[in-house]
């Protein structure tokens, strides 16, 4: 619910960088919110990226194919 509210607060944002440094697990709901934010930012013509994604979370993005859609940065 907290992540959902944070995503809602970004409504209309053009450029978003999500720092995943402290994220050790992503649920299907978290993945859904991340995808919804990506779509909203893309629809606004903006840039969307993730940074500092833990290996286990990266595995989820790879398995779902979102690693090909999202810009994922190490820094």
N, C-alpha and C. Protein backbone atom coordinates (compact mmCIF):
# COMPACT_ATOMS: atom_id res chain seq x y z
N UNK A 1 0.81 -1.22 0.00
CA UNK A 1 0.00 0.00 0.00
C UNK A 1 0.84 1.28 0.00
N UNK A 2 1.97 1.25 0.70
CA UNK A 2 2.82 2.43 0.76
C UNK A 2 3.43 2.71 -0.62
N UNK A 3 3.92 1.66 -1.27
CA UNK A 3 4.50 1.84 -2.61
C UNK A 3 3.43 2.33 -3.58
N UNK A 4 2.22 1.80 -3.47
CA UNK A 4 1.11 2.24 -4.32
C UNK A 4 0.88 3.74 -4.15
N UNK A 5 0.87 4.21 -2.91
CA UNK A 5 0.66 5.64 -2.66
C UNK A 5 1.80 6.48 -3.23
N UNK A 6 3.02 6.00 -3.07
CA UNK A 6 4.17 6.73 -3.62
C UNK A 6 4.06 6.83 -5.14
N UNK A 7 3.65 5.75 -5.77
CA UNK A 7 3.48 5.75 -7.23
C UNK A 7 2.39 6.73 -7.64
N UNK A 8 1.29 6.75 -6.90
CA UNK A 8 0.20 7.68 -7.20
C UNK A 8 0.67 9.13 -7.07
N UNK A 9 1.55 9.40 -6.12
CA UNK A 9 2.07 10.75 -5.92
C UNK A 9 2.95 11.20 -7.09
N UNK A 10 3.42 10.26 -7.90
CA UNK A 10 4.25 10.58 -9.05
C UNK A 10 3.44 10.78 -10.33
N UNK A 11 2.12 10.78 -10.19
CA UNK A 11 1.25 10.95 -11.35
C UNK A 11 1.64 12.20 -12.13
N UNK A 12 1.88 12.03 -13.42
CA UNK A 12 2.25 13.14 -14.28
C UNK A 12 3.75 13.38 -14.35
N UNK A 13 4.54 12.63 -13.59
CA UNK A 13 6.00 12.81 -13.63
C UNK A 13 6.54 12.43 -14.99
N UNK A 14 7.53 13.16 -15.42
CA UNK A 14 8.12 12.90 -16.72
C UNK A 14 9.37 12.04 -16.65
N UNK A 15 10.15 12.21 -15.64
CA UNK A 15 11.38 11.44 -15.49
C UNK A 15 11.43 10.85 -14.09
N UNK A 16 11.59 9.52 -14.01
CA UNK A 16 11.56 8.84 -12.72
C UNK A 16 12.73 7.86 -12.64
N UNK A 17 13.44 7.93 -11.52
CA UNK A 17 14.50 6.96 -11.21
C UNK A 17 14.11 6.34 -9.87
N UNK A 18 13.92 5.03 -9.86
CA UNK A 18 13.60 4.32 -8.61
C UNK A 18 14.87 3.68 -8.08
N UNK A 19 15.20 3.98 -6.84
CA UNK A 19 16.37 3.41 -6.19
C UNK A 19 15.93 2.14 -5.45
N UNK A 20 16.39 1.00 -5.91
CA UNK A 20 16.01 -0.29 -5.33
C UNK A 20 17.07 -0.82 -4.36
N UNK A 21 17.95 0.03 -3.88
CA UNK A 21 19.06 -0.41 -3.05
C UNK A 21 18.61 -1.24 -1.85
N UNK A 22 17.49 -0.90 -1.23
CA UNK A 22 17.04 -1.60 -0.03
C UNK A 22 15.93 -2.60 -0.33
N UNK A 23 15.65 -2.84 -1.60
CA UNK A 23 14.59 -3.79 -1.98
C UNK A 23 15.22 -5.16 -2.17
N UNK A 24 14.84 -6.10 -1.30
CA UNK A 24 15.38 -7.45 -1.37
C UNK A 24 14.41 -8.43 -2.02
N UNK A 25 13.14 -8.01 -2.13
CA UNK A 25 12.09 -8.88 -2.66
C UNK A 25 11.06 -7.99 -3.33
N UNK A 26 10.52 -8.46 -4.45
CA UNK A 26 9.44 -7.73 -5.10
C UNK A 26 8.28 -8.70 -5.34
N UNK A 27 7.13 -8.34 -4.82
CA UNK A 27 5.94 -9.18 -4.99
C UNK A 27 5.31 -8.89 -6.35
N UNK A 28 4.30 -9.67 -6.69
CA UNK A 28 3.59 -9.41 -7.94
C UNK A 28 2.90 -8.05 -7.90
N UNK A 29 2.44 -7.64 -6.72
CA UNK A 29 1.82 -6.31 -6.58
C UNK A 29 2.85 -5.22 -6.79
N UNK A 30 4.04 -5.40 -6.24
CA UNK A 30 5.11 -4.42 -6.44
C UNK A 30 5.54 -4.34 -7.89
N UNK A 31 5.61 -5.49 -8.53
CA UNK A 31 5.94 -5.53 -9.95
C UNK A 31 4.87 -4.83 -10.77
N UNK A 32 3.62 -5.06 -10.43
CA UNK A 32 2.50 -4.43 -11.12
C UNK A 32 2.57 -2.91 -10.99
N UNK A 33 2.87 -2.42 -9.79
CA UNK A 33 2.99 -0.97 -9.57
C UNK A 33 4.15 -0.38 -10.35
N UNK A 34 5.26 -1.11 -10.40
CA UNK A 34 6.44 -0.65 -11.14
C UNK A 34 6.12 -0.55 -12.63
N UNK A 35 5.44 -1.54 -13.15
CA UNK A 35 5.06 -1.54 -14.57
C UNK A 35 4.07 -0.41 -14.85
N UNK A 36 3.12 -0.20 -13.97
CA UNK A 36 2.14 0.88 -14.16
C UNK A 36 2.84 2.24 -14.19
N UNK A 37 3.81 2.42 -13.30
CA UNK A 37 4.55 3.68 -13.28
C UNK A 37 5.37 3.83 -14.56
N UNK A 38 6.02 2.76 -14.99
CA UNK A 38 6.78 2.78 -16.24
C UNK A 38 5.88 3.20 -17.41
N UNK A 39 4.71 2.61 -17.49
CA UNK A 39 3.78 2.94 -18.58
C UNK A 39 3.34 4.40 -18.52
N UNK A 40 3.05 4.89 -17.32
CA UNK A 40 2.60 6.28 -17.16
C UNK A 40 3.70 7.26 -17.56
N UNK A 41 4.91 6.99 -17.12
CA UNK A 41 6.04 7.87 -17.46
C UNK A 41 6.30 7.82 -18.96
N UNK A 42 6.26 6.63 -19.54
CA UNK A 42 6.47 6.48 -20.99
C UNK A 42 5.39 7.23 -21.78
N UNK A 43 4.15 7.15 -21.30
CA UNK A 43 3.05 7.84 -21.98
C UNK A 43 3.23 9.36 -21.93
N UNK A 44 3.92 9.84 -20.89
CA UNK A 44 4.20 11.28 -20.78
C UNK A 44 5.44 11.68 -21.58
N UNK A 45 6.05 10.71 -22.25
CA UNK A 45 7.25 10.99 -23.04
C UNK A 45 8.50 11.11 -22.19
N UNK A 46 8.43 10.57 -20.98
CA UNK A 46 9.55 10.69 -20.05
C UNK A 46 10.47 9.49 -20.05
N UNK A 47 11.45 9.55 -19.15
CA UNK A 47 12.42 8.48 -18.99
C UNK A 47 12.19 7.79 -17.64
N UNK A 48 12.32 6.47 -17.64
CA UNK A 48 12.10 5.66 -16.45
C UNK A 48 13.29 4.74 -16.28
N UNK A 49 13.86 4.72 -15.08
CA UNK A 49 14.96 3.79 -14.84
C UNK A 49 14.96 3.32 -13.39
N UNK A 50 15.64 2.20 -13.20
CA UNK A 50 15.84 1.61 -11.89
C UNK A 50 17.32 1.61 -11.62
N UNK A 51 17.68 1.71 -10.34
CA UNK A 51 19.10 1.66 -9.99
C UNK A 51 19.29 0.79 -8.77
N UNK A 52 20.49 0.23 -8.68
CA UNK A 52 20.90 -0.60 -7.53
C UNK A 52 19.91 -1.74 -7.26
N UNK A 53 19.62 -2.51 -8.26
CA UNK A 53 18.68 -3.63 -8.13
C UNK A 53 19.43 -4.87 -7.63
N UNK A 54 18.95 -5.44 -6.54
CA UNK A 54 19.56 -6.64 -5.95
C UNK A 54 19.42 -7.83 -6.91
N UNK A 55 20.35 -8.78 -6.84
CA UNK A 55 20.32 -9.93 -7.75
C UNK A 55 18.99 -10.69 -7.76
N UNK A 56 18.39 -10.93 -6.59
CA UNK A 56 17.13 -11.68 -6.55
C UNK A 56 16.00 -10.91 -7.22
N UNK A 57 15.98 -9.60 -7.05
CA UNK A 57 14.96 -8.77 -7.70
C UNK A 57 15.24 -8.71 -9.20
N UNK A 58 16.51 -8.64 -9.56
CA UNK A 58 16.88 -8.62 -10.97
C UNK A 58 16.44 -9.91 -11.65
N UNK A 59 16.52 -11.02 -10.94
CA UNK A 59 16.04 -12.30 -11.48
C UNK A 59 14.57 -12.21 -11.87
N UNK A 60 13.77 -11.54 -11.06
CA UNK A 60 12.34 -11.38 -11.35
C UNK A 60 12.16 -10.55 -12.62
N UNK A 61 12.91 -9.44 -12.72
CA UNK A 61 12.81 -8.60 -13.92
C UNK A 61 13.26 -9.37 -15.17
N UNK A 62 14.27 -10.21 -15.02
CA UNK A 62 14.76 -11.00 -16.15
C UNK A 62 13.73 -12.06 -16.55
N UNK A 63 13.18 -12.78 -15.58
CA UNK A 63 12.19 -13.82 -15.87
C UNK A 63 10.93 -13.27 -16.53
N UNK A 64 10.55 -12.05 -16.16
CA UNK A 64 9.34 -11.44 -16.72
C UNK A 64 9.62 -10.67 -18.02
N UNK A 65 10.90 -10.50 -18.34
CA UNK A 65 11.26 -9.77 -19.56
C UNK A 65 11.30 -8.26 -19.38
N UNK A 66 11.05 -7.79 -18.16
CA UNK A 66 11.05 -6.35 -17.93
C UNK A 66 12.46 -5.76 -17.95
N UNK A 67 13.47 -6.61 -17.83
CA UNK A 67 14.84 -6.11 -17.94
C UNK A 67 15.10 -5.54 -19.34
N UNK A 68 14.28 -5.95 -20.30
CA UNK A 68 14.41 -5.44 -21.67
C UNK A 68 13.67 -4.11 -21.84
N UNK A 69 12.66 -3.86 -21.01
CA UNK A 69 11.86 -2.64 -21.09
C UNK A 69 12.43 -1.52 -20.22
N UNK A 70 12.83 -1.86 -19.00
CA UNK A 70 13.33 -0.87 -18.07
C UNK A 70 14.81 -0.62 -18.31
N UNK A 71 15.22 0.63 -18.13
CA UNK A 71 16.65 0.92 -18.06
C UNK A 71 17.05 0.60 -16.62
N UNK A 72 18.02 -0.29 -16.46
CA UNK A 72 18.45 -0.69 -15.13
C UNK A 72 19.93 -0.34 -15.01
N UNK A 73 20.23 0.55 -14.04
CA UNK A 73 21.58 1.06 -13.86
C UNK A 73 22.18 0.52 -12.58
N UNK A 74 23.49 0.33 -12.59
CA UNK A 74 24.19 -0.16 -11.41
C UNK A 74 24.40 0.93 -10.36
N UNK A 75 24.50 2.18 -10.80
CA UNK A 75 24.80 3.28 -9.86
C UNK A 75 23.60 3.82 -9.15
